[in-house]
Amino acid sequence: MDKAVYYADYLQLDKITGAQEPESFKKGKTPAHDEMLFIIIHQAYELWFKQILFEVNSVIGIMDKPVVNDNSPEMQTVVHRLKRVVTILKVLVQQIDIMETMTPMDFLDFRDMLRPASGFQSYQFKVLEAKLGLKYEHRHGQNYYLSQLKEKDIAIIKDAEDGKSVIELINAWLERMPFITDAFWKNYEQVYVNSLADAEKSNAESFAEVFNNASAERHLSPKASRSALFIMLYHAYPMLELPFQLLDTLLEIDNQLGAWRYRHINMVQRMIGSRIGTGGSTGAGYLKGAMDRHYIFKEIAQLNSYLVDRKKLPVLAKEVEERLGYHF
């Protein structure tokens, strides 16, 4: 018979609850009450980052196949786990409310004892960004990006950057979508151009750049971009409902990461104003630059620029419409 499992042992609570060692509580120093809160909040962040990475790695494992069956439980699992990531990110944003119960003076009681430690040294968050698809060349503050990390953490991050990312696998998945014919696409392009107001005519040029011309600067190929737009346009069809949820969930991941960065900026400005961060960064200035540049799925969001009114949508060929519907 298996040994009975005890709650505290199963969760290893002795390790977890014994893992807080505030610097200010050490011998010869004046204890700063709020340092305990500061530590626990950041430990909670790292635990949630670990869970998010666990979910994202599982999604990469499912998507990294020669063929992904869109009509199988696997795709439902991908969407479900990414939606879980969104829910966790919402918790991370809300957690800042707890941090903000600490006043700037409370923080100053122990801030200088932390140098050069900084949240910027969270290698798990950098791994998460890399696995989602943030390229090194698109990062804000590249010179500072790895400068504060230990070699073992840098190796973990670089390994993540060398592996398949979610956006790369999404691109490959979209390229396999079979429903778009050349005739349909030429028809849709004409419908879109005709729908533009005079002030929007320049959008016709960007339409061609996104959907017809390959670019090394973009995550999504023209073919993948056309598939993603098709999903957005015709997502009411049963076969496209789950793919649409997938794209929409990726946008919500970006949205929540952006919300987290925005709240973080406001908190830092409130706590330290324009002072340099404990890790040597420019503080709120660095965070704002990262927020402006670190949107991973923005190319999917930008496809909304090329939608047309439902009433103007081209009618799908009968055989395509049948493939997008239910079969009995």
C-alpha atoms as a PDB file:
ATOM      1  CA  MET A   1       0.000   0.000   0.000  1.00  0.00           C
ATOM      2  CA  ASP A   2       1.246   3.468  -0.875  1.00  0.00           C
ATOM      3  CA  LYS A   3       2.288   5.669   1.987  1.00  0.00           C
ATOM      4  CA  ALA A   4      -0.341   8.214   3.010  1.00  0.00           C
ATOM      5  CA  VAL A   5       0.312  11.659   1.573  1.00  0.00           C
ATOM      6  CA  TYR A   6       0.469  14.483   4.112  1.00  0.00           C
ATOM      7  CA  TYR A   7      -0.545  17.979   2.950  1.00  0.00           C
ATOM      8  CA  ALA A   8       2.506  19.864   4.250  1.00  0.00           C
ATOM      9  CA  ASP A   9       4.919  17.233   2.949  1.00  0.00           C
ATOM     10  CA  TYR A  10       3.263  17.035  -0.466  1.00  0.00           C
ATOM     11  CA  LEU A  11       3.554  20.818  -0.921  1.00  0.00           C
ATOM     12  CA  GLN A  12       6.979  20.944   0.750  1.00  0.00           C
ATOM     13  CA  LEU A  13       5.739  23.783   2.899  1.00  0.00           C
ATOM     14  CA  ASP A  14       8.806  23.761   5.126  1.00  0.00           C
ATOM     15  CA  LYS A  15      10.912  24.746   2.111  1.00  0.00           C
ATOM     16  CA  ILE A  16       8.437  27.302   0.817  1.00  0.00           C
ATOM     17  CA  THR A  17       7.610  29.042   4.093  1.00  0.00           C
ATOM     18  CA  GLY A  18      11.241  28.898   5.150  1.00  0.00           C
ATOM     19  CA  ALA A  19      12.526  30.507   1.965  1.00  0.00           C
ATOM     20  CA  GLN A  20      12.151  34.126   3.106  1.00  0.00           C
ATOM     21  CA  GLU A  21      15.333  35.697   4.478  1.00  0.00           C
ATOM     22  CA  PRO A  22      14.916  39.503   4.513  1.00  0.00           C
ATOM     23  CA  GLU A  23      18.217  41.358   4.387  1.00  0.00           C
ATOM     24  CA  SER A  24      17.014  43.893   6.925  1.00  0.00           C
ATOM     25  CA  PHE A  25      16.240  41.146   9.451  1.00  0.00           C
ATOM     26  CA  LYS A  26      19.866  40.017   9.585  1.00  0.00           C
ATOM     27  CA  LYS A  27      21.969  40.629  12.668  1.00  0.00           C
ATOM     28  CA  GLY A  28      23.014  44.228  13.217  1.00  0.00           C
ATOM     29  CA  LYS A  29      20.337  45.712  10.913  1.00  0.00           C
ATOM     30  CA  THR A  30      17.020  47.403  11.599  1.00  0.00           C
ATOM     31  CA  PRO A  31      14.140  45.135  10.418  1.00  0.00           C
ATOM     32  CA  ALA A  32      12.011  46.686   7.659  1.00  0.00           C
ATOM     33  CA  HIS A  33       8.516  45.269   8.083  1.00  0.00           C
ATOM     34  CA  ASP A  34       7.523  45.516   4.395  1.00  0.00           C
ATOM     35  CA  GLU A  35      10.531  43.588   3.115  1.00  0.00           C
ATOM     36  CA  MET A  36       8.719  40.327   3.931  1.00  0.00           C
ATOM     37  CA  LEU A  37       5.820  41.394   1.698  1.00  0.00           C
ATOM     38  CA  PHE A  38       8.264  42.370  -1.051  1.00  0.00           C
ATOM     39  CA  ILE A  39       9.942  38.944  -0.993  1.00  0.00           C
ATOM     40  CA  ILE A  40       6.738  36.899  -0.894  1.00  0.00           C
ATOM     41  CA  ILE A  41       5.165  38.837  -3.770  1.00  0.00           C
ATOM     42  CA  HIS A  42       8.206  38.274  -5.972  1.00  0.00           C
ATOM     43  CA  GLN A  43       8.437  34.611  -5.011  1.00  0.00           C
ATOM     44  CA  ALA A  44       4.768  34.255  -5.959  1.00  0.00           C
ATOM     45  CA  TYR A  45       5.540  35.889  -9.330  1.00  0.00           C
ATOM     46  CA  GLU A  46       8.310  33.380  -9.994  1.00  0.00           C
ATOM     47  CA  LEU A  47       6.059  30.445  -9.107  1.00  0.00           C
ATOM     48  CA  TRP A  48       3.423  31.714 -11.534  1.00  0.00           C
ATOM     49  CA  PHE A  49       6.105  32.226 -14.200  1.00  0.00           C
ATOM     50  CA  LYS A  50       7.065  28.582 -13.702  1.00  0.00           C
ATOM     51  CA  GLN A  51       3.450  27.504 -14.231  1.00  0.00           C
ATOM     52  CA  ILE A  52       3.067  29.693 -17.321  1.00  0.00           C
ATOM     53  CA  LEU A  53       6.239  28.194 -18.786  1.00  0.00           C
ATOM     54  CA  PHE A  54       4.890  24.721 -18.016  1.00  0.00           C
ATOM     55  CA  GLU A  55       1.754  25.538 -20.041  1.00  0.00           C
ATOM     56  CA  VAL A  56       3.636  27.225 -22.898  1.00  0.00           C
ATOM     57  CA  ASN A  57       6.110  24.335 -23.192  1.00  0.00           C
ATOM     58  CA  SER A  58       3.213  21.886 -23.451  1.00  0.00           C
ATOM     59  CA  VAL A  59       1.656  24.004 -26.218  1.00  0.00           C
ATOM     60  CA  ILE A  60       4.954  24.089 -28.115  1.00  0.00           C
ATOM     61  CA  GLY A  61       5.169  20.298 -27.781  1.00  0.00           C
ATOM     62  CA  ILE A  62       1.712  19.868 -29.320  1.00  0.00           C
ATOM     63  CA  MET A  63       2.191  22.425 -32.098  1.00  0.00           C
ATOM     64  CA  ASP A  64       5.673  21.272 -33.088  1.00  0.00           C
ATOM     65  CA  LYS A  65       4.477  18.454 -35.336  1.00  0.00           C
ATOM     66  CA  PRO A  66       4.461  18.052 -39.126  1.00  0.00           C
ATOM     67  CA  VAL A  67       0.651  18.049 -39.018  1.00  0.00           C
ATOM     68  CA  VAL A  68      -1.666  19.370 -36.324  1.00  0.00           C
ATOM     69  CA  ASN A  69      -5.223  18.054 -36.567  1.00  0.00           C
ATOM     70  CA  ASP A  70      -7.445  21.113 -36.107  1.00  0.00           C
ATOM     71  CA  ASN A  71     -10.436  18.853 -35.616  1.00  0.00           C
ATOM     72  CA  SER A  72      -8.914  16.936 -32.721  1.00  0.00           C
ATOM     73  CA  PRO A  73      -8.812  17.271 -28.914  1.00  0.00           C
ATOM     74  CA  GLU A  74      -5.205  18.490 -29.215  1.00  0.00           C
ATOM     75  CA  MET A  75      -6.206  21.881 -30.574  1.00  0.00           C
ATOM     76  CA  GLN A  76      -8.794  22.249 -27.835  1.00  0.00           C
ATOM     77  CA  THR A  77      -6.006  21.497 -25.348  1.00  0.00           C
ATOM     78  CA  VAL A  78      -3.789  24.197 -26.886  1.00  0.00           C
ATOM     79  CA  VAL A  79      -6.522  26.824 -26.614  1.00  0.00           C
ATOM     80  CA  HIS A  80      -7.469  25.713 -23.101  1.00  0.00           C
ATOM     81  CA  ARG A  81      -3.894  25.952 -21.797  1.00  0.00           C
ATOM     82  CA  LEU A  82      -3.253  29.315 -23.417  1.00  0.00           C
ATOM     83  CA  LYS A  83      -6.460  30.636 -21.879  1.00  0.00           C
ATOM     84  CA  ARG A  84      -5.127  29.427 -18.543  1.00  0.00           C
ATOM     85  CA  VAL A  85      -2.000  31.503 -19.216  1.00  0.00           C
ATOM     86  CA  VAL A  86      -4.235  34.539 -19.762  1.00  0.00           C
ATOM     87  CA  THR A  87      -5.996  33.924 -16.431  1.00  0.00           C
ATOM     88  CA  ILE A  88      -2.672  33.620 -14.598  1.00  0.00           C
ATOM     89  CA  LEU A  89      -1.423  36.843 -16.189  1.00  0.00           C
ATOM     90  CA  LYS A  90      -4.533  38.602 -14.917  1.00  0.00           C
ATOM     91  CA  VAL A  91      -3.602  37.440 -11.407  1.00  0.00           C
ATOM     92  CA  LEU A  92      -0.080  38.849 -11.899  1.00  0.00           C
ATOM     93  CA  VAL A  93      -1.541  42.234 -12.816  1.00  0.00           C
ATOM     94  CA  GLN A  94      -3.868  42.189  -9.794  1.00  0.00           C
ATOM     95  CA  GLN A  95      -0.990  41.237  -7.509  1.00  0.00           C
ATOM     96  CA  ILE A  96       0.435  44.729  -8.000  1.00  0.00           C
ATOM     97  CA  ASP A  97      -2.482  45.966  -5.867  1.00  0.00           C
ATOM     98  CA  ILE A  98      -0.886  44.173  -2.915  1.00  0.00           C
ATOM     99  CA  MET A  99       2.543  45.623  -3.702  1.00  0.00           C
ATOM    100  CA  GLU A 100       1.053  49.118  -3.754  1.00  0.00           C
ATOM    101  CA  THR A 101      -0.016  48.820  -0.128  1.00  0.00           C
ATOM    102  CA  MET A 102       3.692  49.544   0.506  1.00  0.00           C
ATOM    103  CA  THR A 103       4.533  53.259   0.543  1.00  0.00           C
ATOM    104  CA  PRO A 104       7.690  54.773  -0.990  1.00  0.00           C
ATOM    105  CA  MET A 105       9.066  55.358   2.523  1.00  0.00           C
ATOM    106  CA  ASP A 106       8.358  51.716   3.419  1.00  0.00           C
ATOM    107  CA  PHE A 107      10.377  50.674   0.383  1.00  0.00           C
ATOM    108  CA  LEU A 108      13.260  53.005   1.216  1.00  0.00           C
ATOM    109  CA  ASP A 109      13.632  51.230   4.567  1.00  0.00           C
ATOM    110  CA  PHE A 110      15.302  48.305   2.748  1.00  0.00           C
ATOM    111  CA  ARG A 111      15.751  49.290  -0.937  1.00  0.00           C
ATOM    112  CA  ASP A 112      19.493  50.009  -0.777  1.00  0.00           C
ATOM    113  CA  MET A 113      20.110  46.594   0.798  1.00  0.00           C
ATOM    114  CA  LEU A 114      18.911  44.897  -2.407  1.00  0.00           C
ATOM    115  CA  ARG A 115      21.554  46.248  -4.808  1.00  0.00           C
ATOM    116  CA  PRO A 116      22.257  45.008  -7.417  1.00  0.00           C
ATOM    117  CA  ALA A 117      19.325  42.555  -7.236  1.00  0.00           C
ATOM    118  CA  SER A 118      16.436  43.554  -9.484  1.00  0.00           C
ATOM    119  CA  GLY A 119      13.286  42.083 -10.999  1.00  0.00           C
ATOM    120  CA  PHE A 120      15.098  42.609 -14.299  1.00  0.00           C
ATOM    121  CA  GLN A 121      17.192  39.572 -13.321  1.00  0.00           C
ATOM    122  CA  SER A 122      14.164  37.274 -13.586  1.00  0.00           C
ATOM    123  CA  TYR A 123      15.475  34.787 -16.136  1.00  0.00           C
ATOM    124  CA  GLN A 124      12.130  32.942 -16.176  1.00  0.00           C
ATOM    125  CA  PHE A 125      10.336  36.005 -17.543  1.00  0.00           C
ATOM    126  CA  LYS A 126      12.951  36.400 -20.287  1.00  0.00           C
ATOM    127  CA  VAL A 127      12.592  32.701 -21.135  1.00  0.00           C
ATOM    128  CA  LEU A 128       8.814  33.174 -21.352  1.00  0.00           C
ATOM    129  CA  GLU A 129       9.202  36.116 -23.738  1.00  0.00           C
ATOM    130  CA  ALA A 130      11.608  34.100 -25.899  1.00  0.00           C
ATOM    131  CA  LYS A 131       9.343  31.044 -26.009  1.00  0.00           C
ATOM    132  CA  LEU A 132       6.375  33.179 -27.010  1.00  0.00           C
ATOM    133  CA  GLY A 133       8.458  34.694 -29.816  1.00  0.00           C
ATOM    134  CA  LEU A 134      10.211  37.892 -28.746  1.00  0.00           C
ATOM    135  CA  LYS A 135      13.422  37.994 -30.799  1.00  0.00           C
ATOM    136  CA  TYR A 136      16.653  39.385 -29.354  1.00  0.00           C
ATOM    137  CA  GLU A 137      16.902  41.891 -32.208  1.00  0.00           C
ATOM    138  CA  HIS A 138      13.474  43.281 -31.304  1.00  0.00           C
ATOM    139  CA  ARG A 139      14.273  43.787 -27.632  1.00  0.00           C
ATOM    140  CA  HIS A 140      14.548  47.170 -26.008  1.00  0.00           C
ATOM    141  CA  GLY A 141      17.875  47.807 -24.252  1.00  0.00           C
ATOM    142  CA  GLN A 142      19.825  44.911 -25.795  1.00  0.00           C
ATOM    143  CA  ASN A 143      23.111  45.972 -24.166  1.00  0.00           C
ATOM    144  CA  TYR A 144      21.522  45.755 -20.730  1.00  0.00           C
ATOM    145  CA  TYR A 145      19.401  42.684 -21.459  1.00  0.00           C
ATOM    146  CA  LEU A 146      21.852  39.998 -20.202  1.00  0.00           C
ATOM    147  CA  SER A 147      24.439  42.133 -18.431  1.00  0.00           C
ATOM    148  CA  GLN A 148      23.065  41.596 -14.916  1.00  0.00           C
ATOM    149  CA  LEU A 149      22.584  37.817 -15.130  1.00  0.00           C
ATOM    150  CA  LYS A 150      24.693  34.848 -14.064  1.00  0.00           C
ATOM    151  CA  GLU A 151      26.160  32.659 -16.794  1.00  0.00           C
ATOM    152  CA  LYS A 152      23.925  29.684 -15.992  1.00  0.00           C
ATOM    153  CA  ASP A 153      20.803  31.841 -16.396  1.00  0.00           C
ATOM    154  CA  ILE A 154      22.099  33.352 -19.643  1.00  0.00           C
ATOM    155  CA  ALA A 155      22.583  29.807 -20.993  1.00  0.00           C
ATOM    156  CA  ILE A 156      18.958  28.923 -20.163  1.00  0.00           C
ATOM    157  CA  ILE A 157      17.674  32.049 -21.925  1.00  0.00           C
ATOM    158  CA  LYS A 158      19.804  31.483 -25.031  1.00  0.00           C
ATOM    159  CA  ASP A 159      18.630  27.883 -25.202  1.00  0.00           C
ATOM    160  CA  ALA A 160      15.029  29.146 -25.195  1.00  0.00           C
ATOM    161  CA  GLU A 161      15.839  31.674 -27.927  1.00  0.00           C
ATOM    162  CA  ASP A 162      17.335  28.908 -30.099  1.00  0.00           C
ATOM    163  CA  GLY A 163      14.231  26.704 -29.796  1.00  0.00           C
ATOM    164  CA  LYS A 164      10.880  26.872 -31.560  1.00  0.00           C
ATOM    165  CA  SER A 165       8.665  29.723 -30.371  1.00  0.00           C
ATOM    166  CA  VAL A 166       4.880  29.897 -30.219  1.00  0.00           C
ATOM    167  CA  ILE A 167       4.683  32.553 -32.946  1.00  0.00           C
ATOM    168  CA  GLU A 168       6.905  30.467 -35.273  1.00  0.00           C
ATOM    169  CA  LEU A 169       4.699  27.408 -34.758  1.00  0.00           C
ATOM    170  CA  ILE A 170       1.560  29.486 -35.248  1.00  0.00           C
ATOM    171  CA  ASN A 171       3.018  30.736 -38.532  1.00  0.00           C
ATOM    172  CA  ALA A 172       3.660  27.156 -39.708  1.00  0.00           C
ATOM    173  CA  TRP A 173       0.168  26.093 -38.602  1.00  0.00           C
ATOM    174  CA  LEU A 174      -1.477  28.983 -40.470  1.00  0.00           C
ATOM    175  CA  GLU A 175       0.524  28.252 -43.623  1.00  0.00           C
ATOM    176  CA  ARG A 176      -1.027  24.771 -43.755  1.00  0.00           C
ATOM    177  CA  MET A 177      -4.612  26.072 -43.888  1.00  0.00           C
ATOM    178  CA  PRO A 178      -6.085  24.880 -47.213  1.00  0.00           C
ATOM    179  CA  PHE A 179      -9.226  26.977 -47.710  1.00  0.00           C
ATOM    180  CA  ILE A 180      -7.939  30.042 -49.614  1.00  0.00           C
ATOM    181  CA  THR A 181      -7.783  29.934 -53.414  1.00  0.00           C
ATOM    182  CA  ASP A 182      -6.043  32.503 -55.623  1.00  0.00           C
ATOM    183  CA  ALA A 183      -9.412  33.479 -57.095  1.00  0.00           C
ATOM    184  CA  PHE A 184     -10.891  34.121 -53.656  1.00  0.00           C
ATOM    185  CA  TRP A 185      -7.891  36.189 -52.568  1.00  0.00           C
ATOM    186  CA  LYS A 186      -7.922  38.421 -55.666  1.00  0.00           C
ATOM    187  CA  ASN A 187     -11.637  38.936 -55.118  1.00  0.00           C
ATOM    188  CA  TYR A 188     -11.157  39.830 -51.458  1.00  0.00           C
ATOM    189  CA  GLU A 189      -8.308  42.249 -52.206  1.00  0.00           C
ATOM    190  CA  GLN A 190     -10.551  44.092 -54.665  1.00  0.00           C
ATOM    191  CA  VAL A 191     -13.421  44.201 -52.161  1.00  0.00           C
ATOM    192  CA  TYR A 192     -11.065  45.592 -49.501  1.00  0.00           C
ATOM    193  CA  VAL A 193      -9.558  48.284 -51.760  1.00  0.00           C
ATOM    194  CA  ASN A 194     -13.034  49.364 -52.887  1.00  0.00           C
ATOM    195  CA  SER A 195     -14.133  49.666 -49.252  1.00  0.00           C
ATOM    196  CA  LEU A 196     -11.422  52.194 -48.375  1.00  0.00           C
ATOM    197  CA  ALA A 197     -12.317  55.829 -47.841  1.00  0.00           C
ATOM    198  CA  ASP A 198     -10.176  58.422 -49.639  1.00  0.00           C
ATOM    199  CA  ALA A 199      -8.166  59.075 -46.461  1.00  0.00           C
ATOM    200  CA  GLU A 200      -7.360  55.349 -46.198  1.00  0.00           C
ATOM    201  CA  LYS A 201      -6.084  54.705 -49.721  1.00  0.00           C
ATOM    202  CA  SER A 202      -2.529  54.237 -48.468  1.00  0.00           C
ATOM    203  CA  ASN A 203      -3.782  51.057 -46.755  1.00  0.00           C
ATOM    204  CA  ALA A 204      -3.898  49.425 -50.189  1.00  0.00           C
ATOM    205  CA  GLU A 205      -0.080  49.567 -50.305  1.00  0.00           C
ATOM    206  CA  SER A 206       0.325  48.102 -46.816  1.00  0.00           C
ATOM    207  CA  PHE A 207      -2.192  45.380 -47.777  1.00  0.00           C
ATOM    208  CA  ALA A 208       0.142  44.260 -50.566  1.00  0.00           C
ATOM    209  CA  GLU A 209       3.181  44.382 -48.264  1.00  0.00           C
ATOM    210  CA  VAL A 210       1.550  42.202 -45.587  1.00  0.00           C
ATOM    211  CA  PHE A 211      -0.213  39.640 -47.767  1.00  0.00           C
ATOM    212  CA  ASN A 212       1.844  39.445 -50.957  1.00  0.00           C
ATOM    213  CA  ASN A 213       5.467  40.321 -50.142  1.00  0.00           C
ATOM    214  CA  ALA A 214       7.682  38.205 -47.886  1.00  0.00           C
ATOM    215  CA  SER A 215       9.726  40.094 -45.274  1.00  0.00           C
ATOM    216  CA  ALA A 216      12.396  38.930 -42.849  1.00  0.00           C
ATOM    217  CA  GLU A 217      11.188  41.645 -40.464  1.00  0.00           C
ATOM    218  CA  ARG A 218       7.835  39.948 -39.918  1.00  0.00           C
ATOM    219  CA  HIS A 219       6.964  36.872 -37.832  1.00  0.00           C
ATOM    220  CA  LEU A 220       4.091  35.905 -40.136  1.00  0.00           C
ATOM    221  CA  SER A 221       4.588  35.033 -43.784  1.00  0.00           C
ATOM    222  CA  PRO A 222       2.161  36.422 -46.405  1.00  0.00           C
ATOM    223  CA  LYS A 223       0.488  32.998 -46.633  1.00  0.00           C
ATOM    224  CA  ALA A 224       0.085  32.759 -42.851  1.00  0.00           C
ATOM    225  CA  SER A 225      -1.241  36.321 -42.713  1.00  0.00           C
ATOM    226  CA  ARG A 226      -3.862  35.504 -45.352  1.00  0.00           C
ATOM    227  CA  SER A 227      -4.952  32.445 -43.362  1.00  0.00           C
ATOM    228  CA  ALA A 228      -5.193  34.427 -40.124  1.00  0.00           C
ATOM    229  CA  LEU A 229      -7.288  37.099 -41.835  1.00  0.00           C
ATOM    230  CA  PHE A 230      -9.517  34.431 -43.360  1.00  0.00           C
ATOM    231  CA  ILE A 231     -10.103  32.976 -39.888  1.00  0.00           C
ATOM    232  CA  MET A 232     -11.043  36.412 -38.553  1.00  0.00           C
ATOM    233  CA  LEU A 233     -13.429  37.043 -41.437  1.00  0.00           C
ATOM    234  CA  TYR A 234     -15.227  33.693 -41.427  1.00  0.00           C
ATOM    235  CA  HIS A 235     -14.843  32.543 -37.816  1.00  0.00           C
ATOM    236  CA  ALA A 236     -18.599  31.936 -37.501  1.00  0.00           C
ATOM    237  CA  TYR A 237     -18.129  28.691 -39.451  1.00  0.00           C
ATOM    238  CA  PRO A 238     -17.717  25.693 -37.086  1.00  0.00           C
ATOM    239  CA  MET A 239     -14.331  24.625 -38.463  1.00  0.00           C
ATOM    240  CA  LEU A 240     -12.880  28.076 -37.783  1.00  0.00           C
ATOM    241  CA  GLU A 241     -14.311  28.633 -34.310  1.00  0.00           C
ATOM    242  CA  LEU A 242     -11.398  27.018 -32.469  1.00  0.00           C
ATOM    243  CA  PRO A 243      -8.694  28.595 -34.681  1.00  0.00           C
ATOM    244  CA  PHE A 244     -10.291  31.985 -34.020  1.00  0.00           C
ATOM    245  CA  GLN A 245     -10.236  31.353 -30.271  1.00  0.00           C
ATOM    246  CA  LEU A 246      -6.532  30.506 -30.572  1.00  0.00           C
ATOM    247  CA  LEU A 247      -5.688  33.766 -32.364  1.00  0.00           C
ATOM    248  CA  ASP A 248      -7.859  35.778 -29.995  1.00  0.00           C
ATOM    249  CA  THR A 249      -6.194  34.178 -26.964  1.00  0.00           C
ATOM    250  CA  LEU A 250      -2.722  35.057 -28.276  1.00  0.00           C
ATOM    251  CA  LEU A 251      -3.838  38.681 -28.563  1.00  0.00           C
ATOM    252  CA  GLU A 252      -5.117  38.557 -24.998  1.00  0.00           C
ATOM    253  CA  ILE A 253      -1.738  37.236 -23.804  1.00  0.00           C
ATOM    254  CA  ASP A 254      -0.102  40.311 -25.340  1.00  0.00           C
ATOM    255  CA  ASN A 255      -2.815  42.484 -23.818  1.00  0.00           C
ATOM    256  CA  GLN A 256      -2.243  41.117 -20.311  1.00  0.00           C
ATOM    257  CA  LEU A 257       1.554  41.339 -20.615  1.00  0.00           C
ATOM    258  CA  GLY A 258       1.093  44.954 -21.702  1.00  0.00           C
ATOM    259  CA  ALA A 259      -1.225  45.618 -18.765  1.00  0.00           C
ATOM    260  CA  TRP A 260       1.333  44.088 -16.389  1.00  0.00           C
ATOM    261  CA  ARG A 261       4.104  46.276 -17.798  1.00  0.00           C
ATOM    262  CA  TYR A 262       1.908  49.385 -17.605  1.00  0.00           C
ATOM    263  CA  ARG A 263       0.985  48.753 -13.970  1.00  0.00           C
ATOM    264  CA  HIS A 264       4.644  47.996 -13.221  1.00  0.00           C
ATOM    265  CA  ILE A 265       5.724  51.336 -14.728  1.00  0.00           C
ATOM    266  CA  ASN A 266       3.183  53.260 -12.667  1.00  0.00           C
ATOM    267  CA  MET A 267       4.233  51.424  -9.522  1.00  0.00           C
ATOM    268  CA  VAL A 268       7.937  52.118 -10.110  1.00  0.00           C
ATOM    269  CA  GLN A 269       7.264  55.801 -10.779  1.00  0.00           C
ATOM    270  CA  ARG A 270       5.243  55.974  -7.577  1.00  0.00           C
ATOM    271  CA  MET A 271       7.918  54.197  -5.543  1.00  0.00           C
ATOM    272  CA  ILE A 272      11.202  55.686  -6.813  1.00  0.00           C
ATOM    273  CA  GLY A 273      10.228  58.503  -9.210  1.00  0.00           C
ATOM    274  CA  SER A 274      13.034  59.089 -11.713  1.00  0.00           C
ATOM    275  CA  ARG A 275      15.760  57.325  -9.708  1.00  0.00           C
ATOM    276  CA  ILE A 276      17.918  54.532 -11.154  1.00  0.00           C
ATOM    277  CA  GLY A 277      16.641  50.985 -10.555  1.00  0.00           C
ATOM    278  CA  THR A 278      18.423  48.740  -8.054  1.00  0.00           C
ATOM    279  CA  GLY A 279      19.772  46.682 -10.954  1.00  0.00           C
ATOM    280  CA  GLY A 280      21.250  49.745 -12.675  1.00  0.00           C
ATOM    281  CA  SER A 281      18.533  50.313 -15.310  1.00  0.00           C
ATOM    282  CA  THR A 282      16.887  53.679 -15.930  1.00  0.00           C
ATOM    283  CA  GLY A 283      13.920  52.483 -13.887  1.00  0.00           C
ATOM    284  CA  ALA A 284      10.555  53.575 -15.253  1.00  0.00           C
ATOM    285  CA  GLY A 285      12.204  54.848 -18.456  1.00  0.00           C
ATOM    286  CA  TYR A 286      13.533  51.398 -19.308  1.00  0.00           C
ATOM    287  CA  LEU A 287      10.185  49.776 -18.513  1.00  0.00           C
ATOM    288  CA  LYS A 288       8.321  52.176 -20.783  1.00  0.00           C
ATOM    289  CA  GLY A 289      10.678  51.425 -23.676  1.00  0.00           C
ATOM    290  CA  ALA A 290      10.123  47.685 -23.159  1.00  0.00           C
ATOM    291  CA  MET A 291       6.345  48.127 -23.016  1.00  0.00           C
ATOM    292  CA  ASP A 292       6.344  50.005 -26.339  1.00  0.00           C
ATOM    293  CA  ARG A 293       8.430  47.369 -28.174  1.00  0.00           C
ATOM    294  CA  HIS A 294       7.718  43.995 -26.594  1.00  0.00           C
ATOM    295  CA  TYR A 295       4.380  43.131 -28.220  1.00  0.00           C
ATOM    296  CA  ILE A 296       4.853  39.640 -29.594  1.00  0.00           C
ATOM    297  CA  PHE A 297       1.609  39.015 -31.480  1.00  0.00           C
ATOM    298  CA  LYS A 298       1.099  42.540 -32.810  1.00  0.00           C
ATOM    299  CA  GLU A 299       1.121  41.320 -36.429  1.00  0.00           C
ATOM    300  CA  ILE A 300      -2.042  39.345 -35.698  1.00  0.00           C
ATOM    301  CA  ALA A 301      -3.636  42.418 -34.098  1.00  0.00           C
ATOM    302  CA  GLN A 302      -2.682  44.573 -37.093  1.00  0.00           C
ATOM    303  CA  LEU A 303      -4.677  42.294 -39.413  1.00  0.00           C
ATOM    304  CA  ASN A 304      -7.811  43.994 -38.080  1.00  0.00           C
ATOM    305  CA  SER A 305      -6.836  46.892 -40.360  1.00  0.00           C
ATOM    306  CA  TYR A 306      -7.788  44.748 -43.346  1.00  0.00           C
ATOM    307  CA  LEU A 307     -11.259  43.575 -42.354  1.00  0.00           C
ATOM    308  CA  VAL A 308     -14.376  44.524 -44.341  1.00  0.00           C
ATOM    309  CA  ASP A 309     -18.022  44.758 -43.382  1.00  0.00           C
ATOM    310  CA  ARG A 310     -19.780  41.367 -43.178  1.00  0.00           C
ATOM    311  CA  LYS A 311     -22.249  42.447 -45.858  1.00  0.00           C
ATOM    312  CA  LYS A 312     -19.373  42.921 -48.311  1.00  0.00           C
ATOM    313  CA  LEU A 313     -17.628  39.609 -47.663  1.00  0.00           C
ATOM    314  CA  PRO A 314     -17.119  37.460 -50.782  1.00  0.00           C
ATOM    315  CA  VAL A 315     -19.390  34.419 -50.886  1.00  0.00           C
ATOM    316  CA  LEU A 316     -17.349  31.263 -50.369  1.00  0.00           C
ATOM    317  CA  ALA A 317     -17.292  28.522 -52.984  1.00  0.00           C
ATOM    318  CA  LYS A 318     -19.798  25.771 -52.168  1.00  0.00           C
ATOM    319  CA  GLU A 319     -17.126  23.107 -51.611  1.00  0.00           C
ATOM    320  CA  VAL A 320     -15.204  25.408 -49.213  1.00  0.00           C
ATOM    321  CA  GLU A 321     -18.370  26.260 -47.314  1.00  0.00           C
ATOM    322  CA  GLU A 322     -19.163  22.564 -46.931  1.00  0.00           C
ATOM    323  CA  ARG A 323     -15.681  21.836 -45.579  1.00  0.00           C
ATOM    324  CA  LEU A 324     -16.062  24.601 -42.995  1.00  0.00           C
ATOM    325  CA  GLY A 325     -19.390  23.282 -41.723  1.00  0.00           C
ATOM    326  CA  TYR A 326     -20.625  20.265 -39.804  1.00  0.00           C
ATOM    327  CA  HIS A 327     -20.616  16.844 -41.461  1.00  0.00           C
ATOM    328  CA  PHE A 328     -23.002  14.018 -40.607  1.00  0.00           C
END
